[in-house]
């Protein structure tokens, strides 16, 4: 992460799960971990934007 900030350019993609938006009943701990990670990355992306570093959360699911 430090190297992309030093270069003043970077793109980071965080791939998680659609369970962040629609939690799955039997995956309680996993749902919590994914939601926490997604929230952390969303907050981090707001601080890296000044260094031209974009971080995206991708939430793939069934189509």
Protein backbone atom coordinates (compact mmCIF):
# COMPACT_ATOMS: atom_id res chain seq x y z
CA UNK A 1 0.00 0.00 0.00
CA UNK A 2 2.79 2.42 0.85
CA UNK A 3 4.39 1.95 -2.57
CA UNK A 4 1.25 3.03 -4.46
CA UNK A 5 0.89 6.08 -2.22
CA UNK A 6 4.56 6.99 -2.78
CA UNK A 7 4.08 6.64 -6.56
CA UNK A 8 0.94 8.80 -6.33
CA UNK A 9 -1.01 6.29 -8.42
CA UNK A 10 -2.65 2.95 -7.85
CA UNK A 11 -5.72 0.82 -8.24
CA UNK A 12 -6.77 -1.78 -5.69
CA UNK A 13 -9.76 -4.09 -6.06
CA UNK A 14 -11.20 -5.84 -3.03
CA UNK A 15 -13.34 -8.82 -4.05
CA UNK A 16 -15.72 -9.97 -1.34
CA UNK A 17 -19.30 -11.25 -1.65
CA UNK A 18 -22.85 -10.11 -2.20
CA UNK A 19 -23.46 -11.50 1.29
CA UNK A 20 -22.43 -8.03 2.48
CA UNK A 21 -25.70 -6.65 1.09
CA UNK A 22 -27.85 -9.76 1.65
CA UNK A 23 -26.42 -11.83 4.55
CA UNK A 24 -26.77 -15.61 4.40
CA UNK A 25 -28.45 -17.08 7.50
CA UNK A 26 -26.00 -19.91 8.17
CA UNK A 27 -22.85 -17.79 7.67
CA UNK A 28 -23.13 -15.41 10.63
CA UNK A 29 -19.40 -15.07 11.38
CA UNK A 30 -18.48 -14.83 7.71
CA UNK A 31 -21.16 -12.20 7.13
CA UNK A 32 -19.74 -10.10 9.95
CA UNK A 33 -16.15 -10.42 8.74
CA UNK A 34 -17.08 -9.50 5.17
CA UNK A 35 -19.10 -6.50 6.30
CA UNK A 36 -16.24 -5.32 8.51
CA UNK A 37 -13.70 -5.68 5.70
CA UNK A 38 -15.97 -3.88 3.24
CA UNK A 39 -16.51 -1.00 5.67
CA UNK A 40 -12.80 -0.75 6.42
CA UNK A 41 -11.90 -0.64 2.73
CA UNK A 42 -14.60 1.97 2.06
CA UNK A 43 -13.14 4.19 4.79
CA UNK A 44 -9.57 3.60 3.62
CA UNK A 45 -10.48 4.55 0.07
CA UNK A 46 -11.54 7.99 1.29
CA UNK A 47 -8.04 8.62 2.67
CA UNK A 48 -6.07 7.33 -0.32
CA UNK A 49 -7.93 9.37 -2.93
CA UNK A 50 -5.64 12.37 -2.30
CA UNK A 51 -2.70 10.24 -3.54
CA UNK A 52 -4.64 9.22 -6.68
CA UNK A 53 -5.10 5.69 -5.32
CA UNK A 54 -8.52 4.21 -6.04
CA UNK A 55 -9.85 1.30 -4.01
CA UNK A 56 -13.00 -0.49 -5.10
CA UNK A 57 -15.14 -3.08 -3.35
CA UNK A 58 -16.50 -5.69 -5.74
CA UNK A 59 -19.48 -7.70 -4.48
CA UNK A 60 -20.05 -10.54 -6.95
CA UNK A 61 -23.10 -12.71 -6.58
CA UNK A 62 -25.40 -14.98 -8.47
CA UNK A 63 -26.71 -13.62 -11.72
